Amino acid sequence: MKLLLALSLVSPTAFSQTPLKSSTASDLVERLAPSEDQPKTRSIGKRNIVVRPKSVDLVIQFDLDSAVLKNESRPLLDDLVSALKSERLANLKFKVEGHTDAQGSDQHNMKLSQSRAESVIAYLTAKGVENDRLKGEGKGFSDLLVPEKPYAAENRRVRITTQP
């Protein structure tokens, strides 16, 4: 029971989640906004547990082997823009992580995932999100969402994470 309690304090998004293909701005705000009463650390007995930042995985589509955003992803990105501009998220910074599946070399996927993260940041800033609130990071296939299926489409995603 204590283990379950400790894990629930970390963050509901610290575990695998299905990447979102669509969402509303208000849902994205709820998924990313820190709880009003949530401290940065929690204590259980003599142990301090660091509360992880909130994150959401998004299915952002790109042309094959490219960082060019597909039009199908624009509505989800527009909802993300609205969420990031909301009162609850306006003062927060975010990391935009690009992820790939395991097809191709590590070096190629790192470069591709970085370019994809930068494409998302360029889109968000063009829509009015301040650039200094966003940091891009390419993860390649180093953090597969579905490790038992390294070539699964779910691994190809963009993760938005709150930053301290």
C-alpha atoms as a PDB file:
ATOM      1  CA  MET A   1       0.000   0.000   0.000  1.00  0.00           C
ATOM      2  CA  LYS A   2       2.806   2.408   0.819  1.00  0.00           C
ATOM      3  CA  LEU A   3       4.387   1.821  -2.592  1.00  0.00           C
ATOM      4  CA  LEU A   4       1.128   2.601  -4.377  1.00  0.00           C
ATOM      5  CA  LEU A   5       0.723   5.786  -2.364  1.00  0.00           C
ATOM      6  CA  ALA A   6       4.276   6.876  -3.126  1.00  0.00           C
ATOM      7  CA  LEU A   7       3.826   6.290  -6.832  1.00  0.00           C
ATOM      8  CA  SER A   8       0.589   8.236  -6.928  1.00  0.00           C
ATOM      9  CA  LEU A   9       2.361  11.260  -5.477  1.00  0.00           C
ATOM     10  CA  VAL A  10       4.847  11.414  -8.300  1.00  0.00           C
ATOM     11  CA  SER A  11       2.476  12.362 -11.086  1.00  0.00           C
ATOM     12  CA  PRO A  12      -0.260  10.659 -13.023  1.00  0.00           C
ATOM     13  CA  THR A  13       1.666  11.425 -16.200  1.00  0.00           C
ATOM     14  CA  ALA A  14       4.896   9.842 -15.013  1.00  0.00           C
ATOM     15  CA  PHE A  15       3.721   6.546 -16.465  1.00  0.00           C
ATOM     16  CA  SER A  16       2.953   5.520 -20.010  1.00  0.00           C
ATOM     17  CA  GLN A  17       0.099   7.322 -21.594  1.00  0.00           C
ATOM     18  CA  THR A  18      -1.455   7.147 -24.995  1.00  0.00           C
ATOM     19  CA  PRO A  19      -0.341  10.095 -27.127  1.00  0.00           C
ATOM     20  CA  LEU A  20      -3.203  12.445 -27.897  1.00  0.00           C
ATOM     21  CA  LYS A  21      -4.327  12.761 -31.515  1.00  0.00           C
ATOM     22  CA  SER A  22      -6.774  15.486 -30.583  1.00  0.00           C
ATOM     23  CA  SER A  23      -7.647  17.463 -27.488  1.00  0.00           C
ATOM     24  CA  THR A  24      -9.194  20.691 -26.362  1.00  0.00           C
ATOM     25  CA  ALA A  25      -7.245  23.618 -24.994  1.00  0.00           C
ATOM     26  CA  SER A  26      -8.958  23.235 -21.618  1.00  0.00           C
ATOM     27  CA  ASP A  27      -8.016  19.543 -21.427  1.00  0.00           C
ATOM     28  CA  LEU A  28      -4.395  20.393 -22.219  1.00  0.00           C
ATOM     29  CA  VAL A  29      -4.434  23.051 -19.484  1.00  0.00           C
ATOM     30  CA  GLU A  30      -5.717  20.480 -16.977  1.00  0.00           C
ATOM     31  CA  ARG A  31      -3.039  17.990 -17.998  1.00  0.00           C
ATOM     32  CA  LEU A  32      -0.184  20.524 -17.760  1.00  0.00           C
ATOM     33  CA  ALA A  33      -1.166  22.959 -14.995  1.00  0.00           C
ATOM     34  CA  PRO A  34       0.376  22.343 -11.593  1.00  0.00           C
ATOM     35  CA  SER A  35      -2.085  21.701  -8.801  1.00  0.00           C
ATOM     36  CA  GLU A  36      -2.656  24.751  -6.661  1.00  0.00           C
ATOM     37  CA  ASP A  37      -1.709  22.851  -3.502  1.00  0.00           C
ATOM     38  CA  GLN A  38       0.979  20.618  -5.022  1.00  0.00           C
ATOM     39  CA  PRO A  39       4.398  21.147  -3.414  1.00  0.00           C
ATOM     40  CA  LYS A  40       7.622  20.537  -5.343  1.00  0.00           C
ATOM     41  CA  THR A  41       8.502  17.733  -2.916  1.00  0.00           C
ATOM     42  CA  ARG A  42       6.444  15.507  -0.645  1.00  0.00           C
ATOM     43  CA  SER A  43       7.587  13.666   2.447  1.00  0.00           C
ATOM     44  CA  ILE A  44       6.673  10.153   3.430  1.00  0.00           C
ATOM     45  CA  GLY A  45       8.263   9.262   6.719  1.00  0.00           C
ATOM     46  CA  LYS A  46      11.895  10.295   6.459  1.00  0.00           C
ATOM     47  CA  ARG A  47      11.953  10.245   2.651  1.00  0.00           C
ATOM     48  CA  ASN A  48      11.414  13.160   0.331  1.00  0.00           C
ATOM     49  CA  ILE A  49       9.817  12.379  -2.989  1.00  0.00           C
ATOM     50  CA  VAL A  50      10.295  14.839  -5.808  1.00  0.00           C
ATOM     51  CA  VAL A  51       7.061  15.521  -7.641  1.00  0.00           C
ATOM     52  CA  ARG A  52       7.719  15.131 -11.351  1.00  0.00           C
ATOM     53  CA  PRO A  53       6.721  17.811 -13.812  1.00  0.00           C
ATOM     54  CA  LYS A  54       3.509  17.243 -15.709  1.00  0.00           C
ATOM     55  CA  SER A  55       3.669  16.241 -19.344  1.00  0.00           C
ATOM     56  CA  VAL A  56       1.488  15.256 -22.239  1.00  0.00           C
ATOM     57  CA  ASP A  57       2.378  13.231 -25.329  1.00  0.00           C
ATOM     58  CA  LEU A  58       0.918  14.503 -28.590  1.00  0.00           C
ATOM     59  CA  VAL A  59       0.669  12.827 -31.973  1.00  0.00           C
ATOM     60  CA  ILE A  60       2.143  15.499 -34.229  1.00  0.00           C
ATOM     61  CA  GLN A  61       2.404  14.298 -37.801  1.00  0.00           C
ATOM     62  CA  PHE A  62       5.283  15.116 -40.121  1.00  0.00           C
ATOM     63  CA  ASP A  63       6.129  14.247 -43.672  1.00  0.00           C
ATOM     64  CA  LEU A  64       8.130  11.033 -43.911  1.00  0.00           C
ATOM     65  CA  ASP A  65      11.709  11.455 -42.677  1.00  0.00           C
ATOM     66  CA  SER A  66      11.086  15.190 -42.430  1.00  0.00           C
ATOM     67  CA  ALA A  67      10.440  17.912 -39.869  1.00  0.00           C
ATOM     68  CA  VAL A  68       7.707  19.522 -42.013  1.00  0.00           C
ATOM     69  CA  LEU A  69       4.467  19.619 -40.032  1.00  0.00           C
ATOM     70  CA  LYS A  70       1.449  18.050 -41.704  1.00  0.00           C
ATOM     71  CA  ASN A  71      -1.742  20.084 -41.883  1.00  0.00           C
ATOM     72  CA  GLU A  72      -3.586  17.409 -39.855  1.00  0.00           C
ATOM     73  CA  SER A  73      -1.538  18.413 -36.793  1.00  0.00           C
ATOM     74  CA  ARG A  74      -2.398  22.101 -36.892  1.00  0.00           C
ATOM     75  CA  PRO A  75      -5.716  21.873 -34.951  1.00  0.00           C
ATOM     76  CA  LEU A  76      -3.994  20.062 -32.062  1.00  0.00           C
ATOM     77  CA  LEU A  77      -1.127  22.557 -32.126  1.00  0.00           C
ATOM     78  CA  ASP A  78      -3.625  25.439 -32.184  1.00  0.00           C
ATOM     79  CA  ASP A  79      -5.262  23.997 -29.049  1.00  0.00           C
ATOM     80  CA  LEU A  80      -1.805  23.750 -27.483  1.00  0.00           C
ATOM     81  CA  VAL A  81      -1.189  27.418 -28.331  1.00  0.00           C
ATOM     82  CA  SER A  82      -4.454  28.370 -26.610  1.00  0.00           C
ATOM     83  CA  ALA A  83      -3.535  26.263 -23.590  1.00  0.00           C
ATOM     84  CA  LEU A  84      -0.035  27.754 -23.293  1.00  0.00           C
ATOM     85  CA  LYS A  85      -1.495  31.265 -23.497  1.00  0.00           C
ATOM     86  CA  SER A  86      -4.098  30.500 -20.815  1.00  0.00           C
ATOM     87  CA  GLU A  87      -3.916  32.211 -17.448  1.00  0.00           C
ATOM     88  CA  ARG A  88      -2.989  28.969 -15.649  1.00  0.00           C
ATOM     89  CA  LEU A  89      -0.030  28.213 -17.943  1.00  0.00           C
ATOM     90  CA  ALA A  90       1.058  31.718 -19.011  1.00  0.00           C
ATOM     91  CA  ASN A  91       3.901  31.940 -16.488  1.00  0.00           C
ATOM     92  CA  LEU A  92       5.297  28.450 -17.025  1.00  0.00           C
ATOM     93  CA  LYS A  93       8.156  27.239 -19.199  1.00  0.00           C
ATOM     94  CA  PHE A  94       7.983  24.050 -21.246  1.00  0.00           C
ATOM     95  CA  LYS A  95      10.275  21.530 -22.830  1.00  0.00           C
ATOM     96  CA  VAL A  96       9.228  20.313 -26.269  1.00  0.00           C
ATOM     97  CA  GLU A  97      10.679  16.850 -26.840  1.00  0.00           C
ATOM     98  CA  GLY A  98      10.754  15.179 -30.227  1.00  0.00           C
ATOM     99  CA  HIS A  99      10.633  11.367 -30.216  1.00  0.00           C
ATOM    100  CA  THR A 100      11.005   8.822 -33.007  1.00  0.00           C
ATOM    101  CA  ASP A 101      10.522   5.100 -33.354  1.00  0.00           C
ATOM    102  CA  ALA A 102      13.546   2.794 -33.700  1.00  0.00           C
ATOM    103  CA  GLN A 103      13.714   2.810 -37.506  1.00  0.00           C
ATOM    104  CA  GLY A 104      16.990   4.273 -38.736  1.00  0.00           C
ATOM    105  CA  SER A 105      20.245   5.019 -36.979  1.00  0.00           C
ATOM    106  CA  ASP A 106      20.543   6.588 -33.561  1.00  0.00           C
ATOM    107  CA  GLN A 107      22.366   9.601 -34.987  1.00  0.00           C
ATOM    108  CA  HIS A 108      19.777  10.168 -37.722  1.00  0.00           C
ATOM    109  CA  ASN A 109      16.853   9.872 -35.286  1.00  0.00           C
ATOM    110  CA  MET A 110      18.450  12.267 -32.784  1.00  0.00           C
ATOM    111  CA  LYS A 111      18.844  14.884 -35.508  1.00  0.00           C
ATOM    112  CA  LEU A 112      15.339  14.252 -36.879  1.00  0.00           C
ATOM    113  CA  SER A 113      13.699  14.416 -33.445  1.00  0.00           C
ATOM    114  CA  GLN A 114      15.526  17.681 -32.643  1.00  0.00           C
ATOM    115  CA  SER A 115      14.376  19.183 -35.945  1.00  0.00           C
ATOM    116  CA  ARG A 116      10.802  18.100 -35.238  1.00  0.00           C
ATOM    117  CA  ALA A 117      10.892  19.657 -31.763  1.00  0.00           C
ATOM    118  CA  GLU A 118      12.194  22.871 -33.338  1.00  0.00           C
ATOM    119  CA  SER A 119       9.403  22.795 -35.951  1.00  0.00           C
ATOM    120  CA  VAL A 120       6.802  22.585 -33.202  1.00  0.00           C
ATOM    121  CA  ILE A 121       8.474  25.458 -31.333  1.00  0.00           C
ATOM    122  CA  ALA A 122       8.549  27.541 -34.527  1.00  0.00           C
ATOM    123  CA  TYR A 123       4.822  26.918 -35.007  1.00  0.00           C
ATOM    124  CA  LEU A 124       3.999  27.819 -31.400  1.00  0.00           C
ATOM    125  CA  THR A 125       6.064  31.012 -31.467  1.00  0.00           C
ATOM    126  CA  ALA A 126       4.577  32.045 -34.823  1.00  0.00           C
ATOM    127  CA  LYS A 127       1.173  31.824 -33.095  1.00  0.00           C
ATOM    128  CA  GLY A 128       2.280  34.091 -30.236  1.00  0.00           C
ATOM    129  CA  VAL A 129       3.829  31.843 -27.564  1.00  0.00           C
ATOM    130  CA  GLU A 130       6.985  33.495 -26.222  1.00  0.00           C
ATOM    131  CA  ASN A 131      10.122  31.733 -27.447  1.00  0.00           C
ATOM    132  CA  ASP A 132      11.879  32.072 -24.079  1.00  0.00           C
ATOM    133  CA  ARG A 133       9.201  29.814 -22.537  1.00  0.00           C
ATOM    134  CA  LEU A 134      10.088  26.912 -24.837  1.00  0.00           C
ATOM    135  CA  LYS A 135      13.121  24.645 -24.979  1.00  0.00           C
ATOM    136  CA  GLY A 136      13.473  21.965 -27.642  1.00  0.00           C
ATOM    137  CA  GLU A 137      15.132  18.604 -27.179  1.00  0.00           C
ATOM    138  CA  GLY A 138      15.494  15.705 -29.571  1.00  0.00           C
ATOM    139  CA  LYS A 139      15.295  12.331 -27.867  1.00  0.00           C
ATOM    140  CA  GLY A 140      15.478  10.064 -30.913  1.00  0.00           C
ATOM    141  CA  PHE A 141      14.321   6.607 -29.887  1.00  0.00           C
ATOM    142  CA  SER A 142      16.001   6.762 -26.462  1.00  0.00           C
ATOM    143  CA  ASP A 143      12.690   6.999 -24.581  1.00  0.00           C
ATOM    144  CA  LEU A 144      10.249   4.719 -26.376  1.00  0.00           C
ATOM    145  CA  LEU A 145       6.682   4.955 -25.157  1.00  0.00           C
ATOM    146  CA  VAL A 146       6.131   1.302 -26.113  1.00  0.00           C
ATOM    147  CA  PRO A 147       9.564  -0.339 -25.641  1.00  0.00           C
ATOM    148  CA  GLU A 148       8.268  -3.810 -26.456  1.00  0.00           C
ATOM    149  CA  LYS A 149       7.245  -2.473 -29.897  1.00  0.00           C
ATOM    150  CA  PRO A 150      10.148  -0.227 -30.952  1.00  0.00           C
ATOM    151  CA  TYR A 151       8.697   0.449 -34.432  1.00  0.00           C
ATOM    152  CA  ALA A 152       5.175   1.304 -33.191  1.00  0.00           C
ATOM    153  CA  ALA A 153       3.646   4.566 -34.335  1.00  0.00           C
ATOM    154  CA  GLU A 154       2.961   5.532 -30.692  1.00  0.00           C
ATOM    155  CA  ASN A 155       6.692   6.032 -30.231  1.00  0.00           C
ATOM    156  CA  ARG A 156       6.670   8.834 -32.822  1.00  0.00           C
ATOM    157  CA  ARG A 157       5.407  11.763 -30.802  1.00  0.00           C
ATOM    158  CA  VAL A 158       6.094  15.147 -29.272  1.00  0.00           C
ATOM    159  CA  ARG A 159       6.060  15.456 -25.479  1.00  0.00           C
ATOM    160  CA  ILE A 160       5.318  18.765 -23.787  1.00  0.00           C
ATOM    161  CA  THR A 161       6.658  18.942 -20.224  1.00  0.00           C
ATOM    162  CA  THR A 162       6.473  21.709 -17.635  1.00  0.00           C
ATOM    163  CA  GLN A 163       9.850  23.052 -16.528  1.00  0.00           C
ATOM    164  CA  PRO A 164      10.839  24.317 -13.066  1.00  0.00           C
END
